[in-house]
Amino acid sequence: MCGRFSLVELKLIHKTFQVANRQLELLPHYNVAPSQSILAVRNDEENHRELTYLRWGFIPRWQKKEEIGTRWINVRAETASQKPLFRYAFRRHRCLIVASSFFEWRNKQPYLIHCDDFPVCGMAGLWEHWEEKGNGSCIDSAVIMTQEATPPLDFLHNRMPLIIHPEHFGHWLDRENQDIEALEKEITSQPSMAWSFYPVNPRVNSARNDEPLCIAPLSE
């Protein structure tokens, strides 16, 4: 699963994801937690790539009342397209969640995990637009897709975020691409990537702590 991640390599975002809009304020975050705003890349209604902020925690568009919770922060990539809750988003509202690293716990010890190939990664995500009838309140929310953990990360947990390789960004984000079978095949055949991990300070356990110490090796 993916329950926490960081985003600190801000200078690489526009180049990595080929987005030109720079009006968003980008701030480093060392301990991003569910229900918080997360930086994402998606295609707009004209199918042009954009940076935006989404709430982490999927809110179905048919839900009557806003619920700030952590019920749907992850969804299995293997079954997302078949689940009624995510079927429409898988077809039309795919996105990339921007991250530098993510965290996992083993025997209560937190570890920071990062991709050696890419300092900034695009975690596969699905987003949805929700509006509350009557008062105009609206929220764009997202869920992170996960896959079976690959070595060496299976030492820490049996699941990990599904990372989309940069060469597949365009195909994944294209809103006109609604070939479910082809998309399912694509997400299960991403190129292999090299990973590293190390133990970090337990301060990351609390979502209130958002500081460099959260990603520093435990010895520091």
N, C-alpha and C. Protein backbone atom coordinates (compact mmCIF):
# COMPACT_ATOMS: atom_id res chain seq x y z
N MET A 1 0.84 -1.18 0.00
CA MET A 1 0.00 0.00 0.00
C MET A 1 0.88 1.24 0.00
N CYS A 2 0.27 2.40 -0.03
CA CYS A 2 1.00 3.66 0.08
C CYS A 2 0.21 4.57 1.00
N GLY A 3 0.75 4.81 2.19
CA GLY A 3 0.05 5.64 3.17
C GLY A 3 0.74 6.94 3.48
N ARG A 4 1.97 7.09 3.07
CA ARG A 4 2.73 8.34 3.26
C ARG A 4 3.75 8.45 2.12
N PHE A 5 4.06 9.68 1.72
CA PHE A 5 5.13 9.89 0.76
C PHE A 5 5.69 11.29 0.92
N SER A 6 6.75 11.60 0.18
CA SER A 6 7.38 12.92 0.24
C SER A 6 7.49 13.51 -1.15
N LEU A 7 7.67 14.82 -1.20
CA LEU A 7 7.92 15.52 -2.46
C LEU A 7 8.86 16.68 -2.17
N VAL A 8 10.12 16.51 -2.55
CA VAL A 8 11.12 17.53 -2.23
C VAL A 8 11.91 18.01 -3.46
N GLU A 9 11.93 17.24 -4.53
CA GLU A 9 12.71 17.61 -5.72
C GLU A 9 11.86 18.49 -6.65
N LEU A 10 11.58 19.71 -6.19
CA LEU A 10 10.63 20.57 -6.90
C LEU A 10 11.15 21.06 -8.24
N LYS A 11 12.44 21.30 -8.36
CA LYS A 11 13.00 21.86 -9.60
C LYS A 11 12.89 20.90 -10.78
N LEU A 12 12.67 19.63 -10.50
CA LEU A 12 12.63 18.63 -11.57
C LEU A 12 11.22 18.35 -12.08
N ILE A 13 10.22 18.93 -11.44
CA ILE A 13 8.84 18.56 -11.74
C ILE A 13 8.45 18.94 -13.16
N HIS A 14 8.65 20.20 -13.55
CA HIS A 14 8.19 20.64 -14.87
C HIS A 14 8.88 19.90 -16.00
N LYS A 15 10.18 19.64 -15.84
CA LYS A 15 10.92 18.93 -16.88
C LYS A 15 10.50 17.47 -16.94
N THR A 16 10.35 16.83 -15.79
CA THR A 16 10.01 15.41 -15.75
C THR A 16 8.65 15.14 -16.37
N PHE A 17 7.68 15.99 -16.06
CA PHE A 17 6.30 15.73 -16.49
C PHE A 17 5.88 16.56 -17.71
N GLN A 18 6.81 17.38 -18.21
CA GLN A 18 6.55 18.17 -19.42
C GLN A 18 5.28 19.01 -19.27
N VAL A 19 5.23 19.75 -18.17
CA VAL A 19 4.12 20.67 -17.93
C VAL A 19 4.67 22.09 -17.93
N ALA A 20 3.97 22.99 -18.59
CA ALA A 20 4.46 24.36 -18.74
C ALA A 20 3.86 25.32 -17.72
N ASN A 21 2.67 25.01 -17.20
CA ASN A 21 2.03 25.96 -16.28
C ASN A 21 2.78 26.01 -14.95
N ARG A 22 3.19 27.20 -14.57
CA ARG A 22 4.00 27.39 -13.37
C ARG A 22 3.30 28.28 -12.35
N GLN A 23 1.99 28.44 -12.47
CA GLN A 23 1.31 29.36 -11.57
C GLN A 23 1.07 28.76 -10.19
N LEU A 24 1.15 27.45 -10.06
CA LEU A 24 0.95 26.83 -8.75
C LEU A 24 2.14 27.07 -7.85
N GLU A 25 1.88 27.32 -6.59
CA GLU A 25 2.96 27.44 -5.61
C GLU A 25 3.39 26.03 -5.21
N LEU A 26 4.65 25.72 -5.43
CA LEU A 26 5.18 24.40 -5.13
C LEU A 26 6.03 24.48 -3.86
N LEU A 27 5.65 23.72 -2.86
CA LEU A 27 6.37 23.70 -1.60
C LEU A 27 6.82 22.28 -1.28
N PRO A 28 8.00 22.13 -0.67
CA PRO A 28 8.44 20.77 -0.32
C PRO A 28 7.60 20.19 0.82
N HIS A 29 7.36 18.92 0.75
CA HIS A 29 6.65 18.21 1.82
C HIS A 29 7.38 16.91 2.10
N TYR A 30 7.66 16.67 3.37
CA TYR A 30 8.48 15.54 3.78
C TYR A 30 7.66 14.39 4.35
N ASN A 31 6.36 14.62 4.51
CA ASN A 31 5.53 13.60 5.15
C ASN A 31 4.08 13.83 4.75
N VAL A 32 3.75 13.53 3.51
CA VAL A 32 2.39 13.74 3.00
C VAL A 32 1.50 12.61 3.49
N ALA A 33 0.33 12.98 4.03
CA ALA A 33 -0.58 11.99 4.62
C ALA A 33 -1.96 12.08 3.98
N PRO A 34 -2.76 11.01 4.10
CA PRO A 34 -4.12 11.03 3.56
C PRO A 34 -4.94 12.20 4.10
N SER A 35 -5.86 12.68 3.27
CA SER A 35 -6.75 13.83 3.50
C SER A 35 -6.07 15.16 3.22
N GLN A 36 -4.75 15.14 2.95
CA GLN A 36 -4.05 16.37 2.61
C GLN A 36 -4.09 16.61 1.09
N SER A 37 -3.71 17.83 0.69
CA SER A 37 -3.61 18.14 -0.74
C SER A 37 -2.33 17.54 -1.30
N ILE A 38 -2.43 16.93 -2.47
CA ILE A 38 -1.28 16.31 -3.11
C ILE A 38 -1.14 16.87 -4.53
N LEU A 39 0.10 17.01 -4.97
CA LEU A 39 0.36 17.54 -6.30
C LEU A 39 0.18 16.44 -7.34
N ALA A 40 -0.54 16.75 -8.40
CA ALA A 40 -0.82 15.75 -9.42
C ALA A 40 -0.71 16.35 -10.81
N VAL A 41 -0.48 15.48 -11.78
CA VAL A 41 -0.49 15.84 -13.20
C VAL A 41 -1.67 15.12 -13.83
N ARG A 42 -2.48 15.87 -14.59
CA ARG A 42 -3.61 15.28 -15.29
C ARG A 42 -3.84 16.06 -16.58
N ASN A 43 -4.68 15.54 -17.43
CA ASN A 43 -5.07 16.25 -18.64
C ASN A 43 -6.39 16.96 -18.40
N ASP A 44 -6.49 18.22 -18.86
CA ASP A 44 -7.72 18.99 -18.69
C ASP A 44 -8.76 18.58 -19.73
N GLU A 45 -9.86 19.32 -19.80
CA GLU A 45 -10.95 18.95 -20.70
C GLU A 45 -10.53 19.04 -22.17
N GLU A 46 -9.52 19.88 -22.45
CA GLU A 46 -9.00 19.96 -23.81
C GLU A 46 -7.88 18.95 -24.04
N ASN A 47 -7.68 18.09 -23.06
CA ASN A 47 -6.68 17.02 -23.12
C ASN A 47 -5.25 17.57 -23.12
N HIS A 48 -5.06 18.73 -22.46
CA HIS A 48 -3.75 19.31 -22.29
C HIS A 48 -3.25 19.03 -20.87
N ARG A 49 -1.99 18.73 -20.75
CA ARG A 49 -1.41 18.35 -19.46
C ARG A 49 -1.34 19.55 -18.51
N GLU A 50 -1.68 19.34 -17.24
CA GLU A 50 -1.65 20.41 -16.26
C GLU A 50 -1.24 19.88 -14.89
N LEU A 51 -0.67 20.79 -14.08
CA LEU A 51 -0.39 20.53 -12.68
C LEU A 51 -1.56 21.01 -11.85
N THR A 52 -1.92 20.26 -10.84
CA THR A 52 -3.03 20.67 -9.99
C THR A 52 -2.88 20.04 -8.62
N TYR A 53 -3.68 20.50 -7.67
CA TYR A 53 -3.72 19.88 -6.35
C TYR A 53 -5.03 19.12 -6.19
N LEU A 54 -4.94 17.92 -5.64
CA LEU A 54 -6.09 17.07 -5.38
C LEU A 54 -6.07 16.66 -3.92
N ARG A 55 -7.23 16.37 -3.38
CA ARG A 55 -7.28 15.85 -2.02
C ARG A 55 -7.03 14.35 -2.05
N TRP A 56 -6.14 13.90 -1.18
CA TRP A 56 -5.85 12.47 -1.12
C TRP A 56 -6.91 11.76 -0.29
N GLY A 57 -7.74 11.00 -0.98
CA GLY A 57 -8.87 10.30 -0.37
C GLY A 57 -10.05 10.42 -1.30
N PHE A 58 -10.33 9.39 -2.05
CA PHE A 58 -11.30 9.42 -3.16
C PHE A 58 -12.71 9.68 -2.66
N ILE A 59 -13.37 10.68 -3.27
CA ILE A 59 -14.77 10.98 -2.96
C ILE A 59 -15.59 10.67 -4.22
N PRO A 60 -16.44 9.66 -4.19
CA PRO A 60 -17.24 9.31 -5.37
C PRO A 60 -18.13 10.48 -5.80
N ARG A 61 -18.33 10.65 -7.08
CA ARG A 61 -19.12 11.78 -7.57
C ARG A 61 -20.59 11.67 -7.19
N TRP A 62 -21.05 10.46 -6.87
CA TRP A 62 -22.45 10.29 -6.49
C TRP A 62 -22.70 10.45 -4.99
N GLN A 63 -21.64 10.63 -4.23
CA GLN A 63 -21.79 10.77 -2.78
C GLN A 63 -22.52 12.07 -2.45
N LYS A 64 -23.48 12.01 -1.54
CA LYS A 64 -24.31 13.17 -1.24
C LYS A 64 -23.62 14.17 -0.32
N LYS A 65 -22.88 13.69 0.65
CA LYS A 65 -22.23 14.56 1.62
C LYS A 65 -20.73 14.37 1.56
N GLU A 66 -20.02 15.49 1.80
CA GLU A 66 -18.56 15.42 1.84
C GLU A 66 -18.12 14.60 3.04
N GLU A 67 -17.18 13.71 2.82
CA GLU A 67 -16.60 12.93 3.90
C GLU A 67 -15.09 13.05 3.83
N ILE A 68 -14.51 13.63 4.86
CA ILE A 68 -13.06 13.74 4.92
C ILE A 68 -12.55 12.52 5.67
N GLY A 69 -12.05 11.57 4.95
CA GLY A 69 -11.60 10.35 5.59
C GLY A 69 -10.49 9.70 4.80
N THR A 70 -10.16 8.49 5.19
CA THR A 70 -9.07 7.77 4.55
C THR A 70 -9.54 6.40 4.05
N ARG A 71 -10.82 6.30 3.74
CA ARG A 71 -11.36 5.00 3.33
C ARG A 71 -10.78 4.54 2.00
N TRP A 72 -10.66 5.48 1.04
CA TRP A 72 -10.18 5.11 -0.29
C TRP A 72 -8.94 5.94 -0.63
N ILE A 73 -7.82 5.56 -0.04
CA ILE A 73 -6.56 6.23 -0.38
C ILE A 73 -5.75 5.40 -1.37
N ASN A 74 -6.01 4.10 -1.42
CA ASN A 74 -5.33 3.19 -2.34
C ASN A 74 -6.37 2.31 -3.04
N VAL A 75 -6.04 1.88 -4.25
CA VAL A 75 -6.85 0.89 -4.95
C VAL A 75 -5.90 -0.03 -5.70
N ARG A 76 -6.22 -1.31 -5.73
CA ARG A 76 -5.38 -2.27 -6.44
C ARG A 76 -5.47 -2.04 -7.94
N ALA A 77 -4.32 -1.90 -8.57
CA ALA A 77 -4.28 -1.68 -10.02
C ALA A 77 -4.89 -2.86 -10.78
N GLU A 78 -4.77 -4.06 -10.21
CA GLU A 78 -5.23 -5.26 -10.90
C GLU A 78 -6.75 -5.29 -11.05
N THR A 79 -7.48 -4.59 -10.19
CA THR A 79 -8.94 -4.67 -10.20
C THR A 79 -9.64 -3.32 -10.31
N ALA A 80 -8.89 -2.23 -10.37
CA ALA A 80 -9.50 -0.89 -10.34
C ALA A 80 -10.52 -0.68 -11.45
N SER A 81 -10.21 -1.14 -12.66
CA SER A 81 -11.10 -0.89 -13.80
C SER A 81 -12.42 -1.63 -13.69
N GLN A 82 -12.47 -2.67 -12.84
CA GLN A 82 -13.67 -3.48 -12.72
C GLN A 82 -14.56 -3.05 -11.56
N LYS A 83 -14.04 -2.27 -10.66
CA LYS A 83 -14.81 -1.85 -9.49
C LYS A 83 -15.75 -0.70 -9.86
N PRO A 84 -17.05 -0.81 -9.55
CA PRO A 84 -17.99 0.27 -9.89
C PRO A 84 -17.55 1.63 -9.35
N LEU A 85 -16.92 1.65 -8.19
CA LEU A 85 -16.51 2.91 -7.57
C LEU A 85 -15.47 3.64 -8.40
N PHE A 86 -14.59 2.91 -9.09
CA PHE A 86 -13.48 3.52 -9.81
C PHE A 86 -13.56 3.35 -11.33
N ARG A 87 -14.58 2.68 -11.83
CA ARG A 87 -14.64 2.33 -13.25
C ARG A 87 -14.62 3.56 -14.14
N TYR A 88 -15.42 4.57 -13.82
CA TYR A 88 -15.47 5.78 -14.65
C TYR A 88 -14.14 6.52 -14.58
N ALA A 89 -13.58 6.65 -13.39
CA ALA A 89 -12.31 7.36 -13.24
C ALA A 89 -11.19 6.65 -14.00
N PHE A 90 -11.20 5.32 -13.99
CA PHE A 90 -10.18 4.58 -14.72
C PHE A 90 -10.28 4.86 -16.22
N ARG A 91 -11.48 5.04 -16.70
CA ARG A 91 -11.68 5.28 -18.12
C ARG A 91 -11.37 6.72 -18.52
N ARG A 92 -11.74 7.70 -17.66
CA ARG A 92 -11.65 9.10 -18.07
C ARG A 92 -10.78 10.00 -17.19
N HIS A 93 -10.52 9.61 -15.95
CA HIS A 93 -9.86 10.51 -14.99
C HIS A 93 -8.60 9.89 -14.39
N ARG A 94 -7.66 9.55 -15.25
CA ARG A 94 -6.38 9.03 -14.76
C ARG A 94 -5.41 10.19 -14.52
N CYS A 95 -4.53 10.03 -13.56
CA CYS A 95 -3.57 11.08 -13.24
C CYS A 95 -2.28 10.47 -12.74
N LEU A 96 -1.31 11.33 -12.49
CA LEU A 96 -0.04 10.94 -11.90
C LEU A 96 0.15 11.74 -10.61
N ILE A 97 0.39 11.05 -9.53
CA ILE A 97 0.67 11.70 -8.26
C ILE A 97 2.17 11.91 -8.17
N VAL A 98 2.59 13.15 -7.98
CA VAL A 98 4.01 13.50 -8.01
C VAL A 98 4.64 13.21 -6.65
N ALA A 99 5.74 12.45 -6.65
CA ALA A 99 6.40 12.08 -5.39
C ALA A 99 7.90 11.91 -5.60
N SER A 100 8.65 12.16 -4.53
CA SER A 100 10.09 11.91 -4.54
C SER A 100 10.41 10.56 -3.93
N SER A 101 9.59 10.15 -2.97
CA SER A 101 9.81 8.88 -2.27
C SER A 101 8.52 8.53 -1.54
N PHE A 102 8.45 7.32 -1.01
CA PHE A 102 7.32 6.94 -0.19
C PHE A 102 7.82 6.13 1.00
N PHE A 103 6.95 5.93 1.97
CA PHE A 103 7.33 5.27 3.22
C PHE A 103 6.62 3.94 3.37
N GLU A 104 7.29 3.03 4.04
CA GLU A 104 6.67 1.77 4.43
C GLU A 104 7.21 1.38 5.79
N TRP A 105 6.44 0.58 6.52
CA TRP A 105 6.83 0.17 7.87
C TRP A 105 7.05 -1.33 7.93
N ARG A 106 8.09 -1.72 8.65
CA ARG A 106 8.36 -3.13 8.93
C ARG A 106 8.69 -3.25 10.41
N ASN A 107 7.89 -4.06 11.10
CA ASN A 107 8.08 -4.21 12.56
C ASN A 107 8.09 -2.85 13.24
N LYS A 108 7.18 -1.97 12.81
CA LYS A 108 6.97 -0.63 13.38
C LYS A 108 8.10 0.35 13.06
N GLN A 109 9.09 -0.10 12.31
CA GLN A 109 10.18 0.81 11.91
C GLN A 109 9.86 1.39 10.53
N PRO A 110 9.78 2.73 10.41
CA PRO A 110 9.52 3.34 9.10
C PRO A 110 10.76 3.33 8.21
N TYR A 111 10.54 3.10 6.93
CA TYR A 111 11.60 3.13 5.92
C TYR A 111 11.20 4.12 4.82
N LEU A 112 12.17 4.84 4.32
CA LEU A 112 11.97 5.68 3.15
C LEU A 112 12.44 4.91 1.92
N ILE A 113 11.61 4.93 0.87
CA ILE A 113 11.89 4.20 -0.36
C ILE A 113 11.95 5.19 -1.51
N HIS A 114 12.99 5.10 -2.31
CA HIS A 114 13.07 6.00 -3.46
C HIS A 114 13.56 5.23 -4.69
N CYS A 115 13.18 5.75 -5.85
CA CYS A 115 13.56 5.13 -7.12
C CYS A 115 14.92 5.68 -7.55
N ASP A 116 15.88 4.79 -7.76
CA ASP A 116 17.22 5.22 -8.16
C ASP A 116 17.24 5.78 -9.57
N ASP A 117 16.27 5.41 -10.40
CA ASP A 117 16.25 5.84 -11.80
C ASP A 117 15.67 7.23 -11.98
N PHE A 118 14.72 7.61 -11.10
CA PHE A 118 14.01 8.88 -11.28
C PHE A 118 13.85 9.59 -9.94
N PRO A 119 14.50 10.75 -9.74
CA PRO A 119 14.38 11.49 -8.48
C PRO A 119 12.95 11.93 -8.19
N VAL A 120 12.15 12.13 -9.25
CA VAL A 120 10.73 12.44 -9.10
C VAL A 120 9.94 11.41 -9.89
N CYS A 121 8.95 10.81 -9.25
CA CYS A 121 8.17 9.74 -9.87
C CYS A 121 6.72 10.16 -10.07
N GLY A 122 6.07 9.45 -10.99
CA GLY A 122 4.64 9.61 -11.19
C GLY A 122 3.91 8.36 -10.74
N MET A 123 3.28 8.42 -9.57
CA MET A 123 2.48 7.30 -9.09
C MET A 123 1.13 7.31 -9.79
N ALA A 124 0.73 6.18 -10.31
CA ALA A 124 -0.55 6.10 -11.00
C ALA A 124 -1.69 6.43 -10.04
N GLY A 125 -2.59 7.29 -10.50
CA GLY A 125 -3.72 7.67 -9.66
C GLY A 125 -5.00 7.82 -10.48
N LEU A 126 -6.11 7.85 -9.78
CA LEU A 126 -7.42 8.12 -10.36
C LEU A 126 -8.02 9.29 -9.59
N TRP A 127 -8.66 10.21 -10.30
CA TRP A 127 -9.25 11.35 -9.62
C TRP A 127 -10.74 11.47 -9.95
N GLU A 128 -11.44 12.23 -9.12
CA GLU A 128 -12.86 12.43 -9.34
C GLU A 128 -13.27 13.82 -8.90
N HIS A 129 -14.25 14.40 -9.59
CA HIS A 129 -14.80 15.71 -9.24
C HIS A 129 -16.11 15.50 -8.51
N TRP A 130 -16.20 16.10 -7.31
CA TRP A 130 -17.41 15.95 -6.49
C TRP A 130 -18.00 17.32 -6.20
N GLU A 131 -19.31 17.41 -6.30
CA GLU A 131 -20.03 18.65 -5.98
C GLU A 131 -21.18 18.34 -5.04
N GLU A 132 -21.36 19.20 -4.07
CA GLU A 132 -22.49 19.08 -3.16
C GLU A 132 -23.63 19.94 -3.68
N LYS A 133 -24.74 19.33 -3.98
CA LYS A 133 -25.86 20.05 -4.55
C LYS A 133 -26.40 21.08 -3.56
N GLY A 134 -26.66 22.25 -4.07
CA GLY A 134 -27.29 23.26 -3.24
C GLY A 134 -26.38 24.38 -2.78
N ASN A 135 -25.12 24.05 -2.46
CA ASN A 135 -24.24 25.10 -1.94
C ASN A 135 -23.00 25.35 -2.80
N GLY A 136 -22.85 24.60 -3.87
CA GLY A 136 -21.74 24.85 -4.78
C GLY A 136 -20.39 24.35 -4.32
N SER A 137 -20.34 23.65 -3.19
CA SER A 137 -19.07 23.11 -2.70
C SER A 137 -18.59 22.01 -3.64
N CYS A 138 -17.29 22.05 -3.99
CA CYS A 138 -16.76 21.02 -4.88
C CYS A 138 -15.33 20.66 -4.48
N ILE A 139 -14.96 19.42 -4.74
CA ILE A 139 -13.63 18.91 -4.39
C ILE A 139 -13.18 17.96 -5.48
N ASP A 140 -11.93 18.10 -5.89
CA ASP A 140 -11.29 17.12 -6.76
C ASP A 140 -10.40 16.25 -5.88
N SER A 141 -10.68 14.97 -5.84
CA SER A 141 -9.97 14.05 -4.95
C SER A 141 -9.31 12.95 -5.76
N ALA A 142 -8.43 12.19 -5.10
CA ALA A 142 -7.67 11.16 -5.82
C ALA A 142 -7.38 9.95 -4.95
N VAL A 143 -7.11 8.84 -5.63
CA VAL A 143 -6.69 7.60 -4.99
C VAL A 143 -5.42 7.14 -5.69
N ILE A 144 -4.49 6.55 -4.96
CA ILE A 144 -3.24 6.04 -5.51
C ILE A 144 -3.39 4.55 -5.82
N MET A 145 -2.96 4.16 -7.00
CA MET A 145 -3.05 2.76 -7.40
C MET A 145 -1.81 2.00 -6.92
N THR A 146 -2.01 0.77 -6.51
CA THR A 146 -0.91 -0.05 -6.01
C THR A 146 -0.80 -1.35 -6.79
N GLN A 147 0.37 -1.96 -6.68
CA GLN A 147 0.63 -3.25 -7.33
C GLN A 147 1.36 -4.15 -6.34
N GLU A 148 1.58 -5.40 -6.73
CA GLU A 148 2.39 -6.29 -5.90
C GLU A 148 3.81 -5.74 -5.82
N ALA A 149 4.38 -5.78 -4.63
CA ALA A 149 5.73 -5.26 -4.44
C ALA A 149 6.75 -6.13 -5.17
N THR A 150 7.72 -5.48 -5.78
CA THR A 150 8.79 -6.18 -6.47
C THR A 150 10.05 -6.16 -5.61
N PRO A 151 10.98 -7.11 -5.80
CA PRO A 151 12.23 -7.10 -5.04
C PRO A 151 13.01 -5.82 -5.34
N PRO A 152 13.67 -5.24 -4.34
CA PRO A 152 13.80 -5.72 -2.97
C PRO A 152 12.71 -5.21 -2.03
N LEU A 153 11.71 -4.51 -2.56
CA LEU A 153 10.72 -3.86 -1.69
C LEU A 153 9.76 -4.84 -1.04
N ASP A 154 9.66 -6.06 -1.58
CA ASP A 154 8.78 -7.05 -0.96
C ASP A 154 9.29 -7.47 0.41
N PHE A 155 10.52 -7.08 0.75
CA PHE A 155 11.05 -7.30 2.09
C PHE A 155 10.27 -6.47 3.11
N LEU A 156 9.77 -5.31 2.67
CA LEU A 156 9.08 -4.39 3.59
C LEU A 156 7.58 -4.60 3.60
N HIS A 157 6.98 -4.84 2.44
CA HIS A 157 5.52 -4.96 2.35
C HIS A 157 5.18 -5.69 1.06
N ASN A 158 3.99 -6.28 1.01
CA ASN A 158 3.60 -7.03 -0.19
C ASN A 158 2.97 -6.16 -1.27
N ARG A 159 2.76 -4.85 -0.97
CA ARG A 159 2.22 -3.92 -1.95
C ARG A 159 3.11 -2.69 -2.05
N MET A 160 3.02 -1.98 -3.19
CA MET A 160 3.77 -0.76 -3.41
C MET A 160 3.00 0.10 -4.41
N PRO A 161 3.27 1.40 -4.48
CA PRO A 161 2.59 2.23 -5.49
C PRO A 161 2.95 1.77 -6.90
N LEU A 162 1.99 1.89 -7.80
CA LEU A 162 2.25 1.62 -9.21
C LEU A 162 2.91 2.86 -9.80
N ILE A 163 4.16 2.73 -10.21
CA ILE A 163 4.91 3.84 -10.78
C ILE A 163 4.83 3.75 -12.31
N ILE A 164 4.38 4.84 -12.94
CA ILE A 164 4.30 4.88 -14.39
C ILE A 164 5.63 5.39 -14.95
N HIS A 165 6.21 4.63 -15.86
CA HIS A 165 7.47 5.03 -16.48
C HIS A 165 7.24 6.27 -17.34
N PRO A 166 8.17 7.24 -17.34
CA PRO A 166 7.98 8.47 -18.12
C PRO A 166 7.59 8.26 -19.57
N GLU A 167 8.06 7.22 -20.19
CA GLU A 167 7.73 6.99 -21.60
C GLU A 167 6.26 6.62 -21.79
N HIS A 168 5.57 6.31 -20.68
CA HIS A 168 4.15 5.96 -20.75
C HIS A 168 3.24 7.07 -20.23
N PHE A 169 3.81 8.21 -19.82
CA PHE A 169 3.00 9.29 -19.27
C PHE A 169 1.88 9.71 -20.22
N GLY A 170 2.23 9.98 -21.47
CA GLY A 170 1.25 10.48 -22.43
C GLY A 170 0.09 9.54 -22.64
N HIS A 171 0.38 8.28 -22.78
CA HIS A 171 -0.67 7.28 -23.01
C HIS A 171 -1.56 7.15 -21.79
N TRP A 172 -0.96 7.19 -20.60
CA TRP A 172 -1.73 7.04 -19.37
C TRP A 172 -2.66 8.24 -19.14
N LEU A 173 -2.20 9.45 -19.44
CA LEU A 173 -2.96 10.66 -19.15
C LEU A 173 -3.99 11.00 -20.23
N ASP A 174 -3.85 10.46 -21.41
CA ASP A 174 -4.70 10.80 -22.54
C ASP A 174 -6.17 10.45 -22.25
N ARG A 175 -7.02 11.47 -22.15
CA ARG A 175 -8.42 11.23 -21.81
C ARG A 175 -9.20 10.59 -22.96
N GLU A 176 -8.66 10.68 -24.16
CA GLU A 176 -9.31 10.02 -25.30
C GLU A 176 -8.97 8.54 -25.37
N ASN A 177 -7.99 8.14 -24.62
CA ASN A 177 -7.61 6.74 -24.57
C ASN A 177 -8.50 6.02 -23.56
N GLN A 178 -9.50 5.33 -24.05
CA GLN A 178 -10.45 4.63 -23.17
C GLN A 178 -10.47 3.13 -23.44
N ASP A 179 -9.39 2.62 -23.98
CA ASP A 179 -9.26 1.19 -24.25
C ASP A 179 -8.84 0.51 -22.95
N ILE A 180 -9.81 0.02 -22.20
CA ILE A 180 -9.56 -0.56 -20.88
C ILE A 180 -8.59 -1.72 -20.95
N GLU A 181 -8.78 -2.60 -21.91
CA GLU A 181 -7.91 -3.77 -22.03
C GLU A 181 -6.46 -3.36 -22.26
N ALA A 182 -6.24 -2.37 -23.13
CA ALA A 182 -4.89 -1.91 -23.41
C ALA A 182 -4.27 -1.23 -22.19
N LEU A 183 -5.08 -0.46 -21.47
CA LEU A 183 -4.58 0.22 -20.27
C LEU A 183 -4.22 -0.79 -19.19
N GLU A 184 -5.04 -1.80 -19.01
CA GLU A 184 -4.74 -2.84 -18.03
C GLU A 184 -3.44 -3.55 -18.38
N LYS A 185 -3.26 -3.83 -19.64
CA LYS A 185 -2.03 -4.48 -20.08
C LYS A 185 -0.82 -3.58 -19.84
N GLU A 186 -1.02 -2.28 -20.08
CA GLU A 186 0.09 -1.34 -19.92
C GLU A 186 0.55 -1.24 -18.47
N ILE A 187 -0.38 -1.15 -17.55
CA ILE A 187 0.01 -0.95 -16.15
C ILE A 187 0.61 -2.22 -15.53
N THR A 188 0.41 -3.34 -16.16
CA THR A 188 1.00 -4.57 -15.65
C THR A 188 2.31 -4.92 -16.35
N SER A 189 2.75 -4.04 -17.25
CA SER A 189 3.99 -4.32 -17.98
C SER A 189 4.91 -3.11 -17.99
N GLN A 190 4.95 -2.38 -16.89
CA GLN A 190 5.85 -1.24 -16.79
C GLN A 190 7.30 -1.73 -16.72
N PRO A 191 8.24 -0.99 -17.33
CA PRO A 191 9.65 -1.38 -17.25
C PRO A 191 10.11 -1.46 -15.80
N SER A 192 11.05 -2.38 -15.53
CA SER A 192 11.57 -2.52 -14.17
C SER A 192 12.40 -1.30 -13.79
N MET A 193 12.42 -0.98 -12.51
CA MET A 193 13.15 0.17 -11.99
C MET A 193 13.98 -0.26 -10.79
N ALA A 194 15.04 0.48 -10.53
CA ALA A 194 15.91 0.18 -9.40
C ALA A 194 15.45 0.96 -8.18
N TRP A 195 15.46 0.29 -7.01
CA TRP A 195 14.95 0.90 -5.78
C TRP A 195 15.98 0.81 -4.66
N SER A 196 15.92 1.79 -3.77
CA SER A 196 16.74 1.78 -2.55
C SER A 196 15.85 2.16 -1.38
N PHE A 197 16.22 1.72 -0.20
CA PHE A 197 15.45 2.13 0.99
C PHE A 197 16.36 2.13 2.21
N TYR A 198 15.96 2.89 3.22
CA TYR A 198 16.72 2.96 4.47
C TYR A 198 15.78 3.38 5.60
N PRO A 199 16.10 2.99 6.83
CA PRO A 199 15.25 3.37 7.97
C PRO A 199 15.34 4.85 8.26
N VAL A 200 14.22 5.43 8.69
CA VAL A 200 14.17 6.86 9.02
C VAL A 200 13.63 7.06 10.42
N ASN A 201 13.70 8.31 10.86
CA ASN A 201 13.27 8.68 12.20
C ASN A 201 11.77 8.41 12.40
N PRO A 202 11.37 7.84 13.54
CA PRO A 202 9.95 7.57 13.82
C PRO A 202 9.07 8.81 13.86
N ARG A 203 9.64 9.99 13.77
CA ARG A 203 8.82 11.20 13.74
C ARG A 203 7.88 11.21 12.54
N VAL A 204 8.22 10.43 11.52
CA VAL A 204 7.34 10.35 10.36
C VAL A 204 6.02 9.67 10.70
N ASN A 205 5.96 8.97 11.83
CA ASN A 205 4.73 8.29 12.23
C ASN A 205 3.58 9.26 12.43
N SER A 206 3.88 10.49 12.83
CA SER A 206 2.85 11.49 13.06
C SER A 206 2.73 12.39 11.84
N ALA A 207 1.52 12.51 11.30
CA ALA A 207 1.29 13.36 10.13
C ALA A 207 1.50 14.83 10.45
N ARG A 208 1.58 15.17 11.72
CA ARG A 208 1.82 16.57 12.10
C ARG A 208 3.25 16.98 11.84
N ASN A 209 4.14 16.01 11.70
CA ASN A 209 5.55 16.31 11.46
C ASN A 209 5.83 16.33 9.97
N ASP A 210 6.17 17.50 9.46
CA ASP A 210 6.49 17.67 8.03
C ASP A 210 7.79 18.45 7.97
N GLU A 211 8.91 17.73 8.10
CA GLU A 211 10.21 18.37 8.25
C GLU A 211 11.29 17.47 7.65
N PRO A 212 12.45 18.00 7.32
CA PRO A 212 13.52 17.21 6.71
C PRO A 212 13.92 15.98 7.51
N LEU A 213 13.75 16.04 8.83
CA LEU A 213 14.12 14.89 9.66
C LEU A 213 13.34 13.64 9.28
N CYS A 214 12.15 13.82 8.70
CA CYS A 214 11.31 12.67 8.33
C CYS A 214 11.94 11.82 7.23
N ILE A 215 12.80 12.41 6.41
CA ILE A 215 13.40 11.65 5.31
C ILE A 215 14.89 11.40 5.52
N ALA A 216 15.41 11.86 6.66
CA ALA A 216 16.84 11.66 6.95
C ALA A 216 17.07 10.23 7.42
N PRO A 217 18.21 9.62 7.04
CA PRO A 217 18.55 8.29 7.57
C PRO A 217 18.51 8.27 9.09
N LEU A 218 18.13 7.15 9.65
CA LEU A 218 17.93 7.06 11.09
C LEU A 218 19.17 7.45 11.87
N SER A 219 20.35 7.18 11.36
CA SER A 219 21.59 7.50 12.07
C SER A 219 21.77 9.00 12.26
N GLU A 220 21.07 9.82 11.44
CA GLU A 220 21.18 11.25 11.54
C GLU A 220 20.17 11.84 12.49
